Protein backbone atom coordinates (compact mmCIF):
# COMPACT_ATOMS: atom_id res chain seq x y z
CA MET A 1 -14.14 6.34 -4.75
CA SER A 2 -15.27 9.82 -4.06
CA ASP A 3 -18.55 11.83 -4.64
CA SER A 4 -15.84 13.97 -7.36
CA ASP A 5 -14.47 10.40 -8.72
CA LEU A 6 -17.91 8.92 -9.15
CA LEU A 7 -19.43 11.65 -11.16
CA ASP A 8 -16.61 11.88 -13.42
CA GLN A 9 -16.84 7.84 -14.15
CA ALA A 10 -19.97 8.59 -15.33
CA ARG A 11 -19.58 11.39 -17.66
CA ARG A 12 -16.62 8.94 -19.14
CA VAL A 13 -19.20 6.67 -19.22
CA LEU A 14 -21.83 8.71 -21.06
CA LYS A 15 -19.11 9.40 -23.79
CA GLN A 16 -17.84 5.94 -24.47
CA ARG A 17 -18.81 3.47 -26.76
CA GLY A 18 -19.02 -0.30 -27.47
CA THR A 19 -21.48 -0.31 -24.54
CA GLY A 20 -24.40 -1.49 -25.84
CA GLY A 21 -26.44 0.81 -25.72
CA TYR A 22 -26.58 0.89 -21.85
CA SER A 23 -23.80 3.90 -21.05
CA PRO A 24 -27.08 6.05 -19.71
CA ARG A 25 -28.29 3.68 -17.22
CA MET A 26 -24.56 2.94 -16.02
CA ALA A 27 -24.01 6.75 -15.81
CA ALA A 28 -27.19 7.31 -13.58
CA PHE A 29 -26.28 3.86 -10.94
CA LEU A 30 -22.67 6.65 -10.90
CA ALA A 31 -23.84 9.75 -10.79
CA ARG A 32 -26.74 8.21 -8.12
CA ARG A 33 -23.87 6.83 -6.21
CA ALA A 34 -21.88 10.08 -6.44
CA LEU A 35 -25.22 11.81 -4.76
CA GLU A 36 -25.71 9.79 -1.98
CA GLU A 37 -22.17 11.27 -1.17
CA THR A 38 -22.98 14.87 -1.36
CA ILE A 39 -26.41 14.11 0.88
CA ASP A 40 -25.09 12.47 3.32
CA SER A 41 -21.87 15.05 3.76
CA ARG A 42 -24.70 17.56 3.58
CA TYR A 43 -26.55 15.60 6.04
CA GLN A 44 -23.63 14.80 8.09
CA ALA A 45 -22.74 18.80 8.30
CA LEU A 46 -26.46 20.14 8.96
CA VAL A 47 -27.26 16.81 11.98
CA GLY A 48 -24.06 15.89 13.09
CA SER A 49 -23.82 12.52 14.06
CA ALA A 50 -27.58 10.18 13.78
CA PRO A 51 -27.91 6.75 13.71
CA PRO A 52 -27.95 5.60 9.89
CA MET A 53 -30.57 5.68 8.48
CA ASN A 54 -31.91 5.26 3.80
CA VAL A 55 -31.18 7.89 1.89
CA ARG A 56 -34.94 9.31 1.95
CA SER A 57 -34.84 9.46 5.15
CA LYS A 58 -32.17 11.46 5.12
CA LEU A 59 -34.27 13.76 1.56
CA VAL A 60 -36.71 14.24 4.95
CA ILE A 61 -34.40 16.11 7.35
CA LEU A 62 -32.80 18.08 4.74
CA ARG A 63 -35.66 19.52 3.37
CA VAL A 64 -35.98 20.62 6.87
CA LEU A 65 -32.43 21.83 7.89
CA ASP A 66 -31.08 23.44 4.92
CA THR A 67 -32.06 25.42 1.73
CA PRO A 68 -35.03 24.67 0.34
CA GLU A 69 -33.62 24.76 -3.20
CA ALA A 70 -30.58 22.37 -2.60
CA ALA A 71 -33.40 19.90 -1.07
CA ASP A 72 -35.09 20.18 -3.81
CA ARG A 73 -32.43 19.56 -6.44
CA ALA A 74 -31.50 16.47 -4.43
CA ALA A 75 -35.08 14.89 -3.78
CA TYR A 76 -35.28 15.61 -7.93
CA ALA A 77 -31.40 14.21 -9.00
CA TRP A 78 -32.36 11.53 -6.76
CA ASN A 79 -35.83 10.66 -7.92
CA ARG A 80 -34.44 10.53 -11.79
CA LEU A 81 -31.64 9.03 -10.75
CA SER A 82 -33.30 5.93 -9.24
CA ASN A 83 -35.71 5.47 -12.26
CA ALA A 84 -32.72 5.47 -14.93
CA CYS A 85 -31.13 2.86 -12.70
CA HIS A 86 -34.24 0.51 -12.84
CA LEU A 87 -35.24 -1.54 -15.98
CA HIS A 88 -38.65 -2.20 -16.49
CA ALA A 89 -40.05 -3.32 -20.14
CA PHE A 90 -42.65 -1.14 -20.58
CA GLU A 91 -39.92 2.01 -20.30
CA MET A 92 -37.35 3.76 -22.32
CA GLN A 93 -34.03 4.12 -20.80
CA PRO A 94 -32.78 7.42 -20.02
CA SER A 95 -31.42 9.56 -22.66
CA VAL A 96 -27.80 10.45 -22.55
CA ALA A 97 -29.06 13.63 -22.33
CA GLU A 98 -31.13 13.75 -19.06
CA VAL A 99 -28.20 11.41 -17.24
CA GLU A 100 -25.77 14.69 -18.31
CA ARG A 101 -28.44 16.80 -17.06
CA LEU A 102 -28.43 14.82 -14.16
CA CYS A 103 -25.70 14.71 -13.65
CA GLU A 104 -25.16 18.29 -13.72
CA ILE A 105 -27.62 18.71 -10.96
CA VAL A 106 -25.05 17.17 -8.87
CA SER A 107 -22.38 18.79 -9.22
CA GLU A 108 -24.40 22.29 -8.82
CA LEU A 109 -25.43 20.60 -5.38
CA ARG A 110 -21.54 19.13 -4.45
CA ALA A 111 -20.76 23.13 -5.20
CA CYS A 112 -24.16 24.58 -3.37
CA PRO A 113 -23.12 26.41 0.16
CA LEU A 114 -24.94 25.25 3.22
CA VAL A 115 -26.54 27.79 5.20
CA GLY A 116 -28.79 25.77 6.74
CA VAL A 117 -30.87 25.87 10.00
CA ARG A 118 -27.16 24.69 12.01
CA GLN A 119 -25.54 27.43 10.69
CA GLU A 120 -28.60 29.81 11.18
CA ARG A 121 -28.01 28.95 14.89
CA ALA A 122 -24.56 28.48 14.58
CA SER A 123 -24.55 32.49 13.66
CA GLN A 124 -26.93 33.49 16.04
CA GLU A 125 -25.77 31.81 19.28
CA ALA A 126 -22.30 33.60 18.18
CA GLN A 127 -23.45 37.17 18.15
CA GLY A 128 -25.27 36.42 21.24
CA MET A 129 -28.55 36.22 19.76
CA GLU A 130 -30.72 33.41 21.18
CA GLY A 131 -31.34 30.18 18.93
CA GLY A 132 -34.70 29.17 20.22
CA SER A 133 -35.84 25.70 17.98
CA PRO A 134 -35.24 25.18 14.38
CA TRP A 135 -37.99 23.68 14.20
CA HIS A 136 -40.09 26.78 15.64
CA ARG A 137 -37.94 29.01 13.03
CA ARG A 138 -38.56 27.43 9.79
CA HIS A 139 -42.33 26.78 10.19
């Protein structure tokens, strides 16, 4: 399933009755998977091919190469959705409203244009400017 299909399914699950009260958690699983697909797409667009790594590592790389706003939103949504997916006896499950808001954040991130370091460098090279290291330009 694509990230948009997963996100649509998460929204449908939130509206379903007869799930025994577990629809927010089920929707959180789907929304987190959609977010991971979105993170993978952004990561590949910015870095290209790279060795396999976990989502947290990709979020760190996005923090450097993507826009800070997009990276922050992705990290926030992934952390909140991950917490919502785990069942702890001492915590309440996420509310429908909370998961709906996280689905909105994932949807907004999907629509957020890529304007990270890689695109800046390609633009500079096309204009004949010296690119330099992305690490030096960002810090």
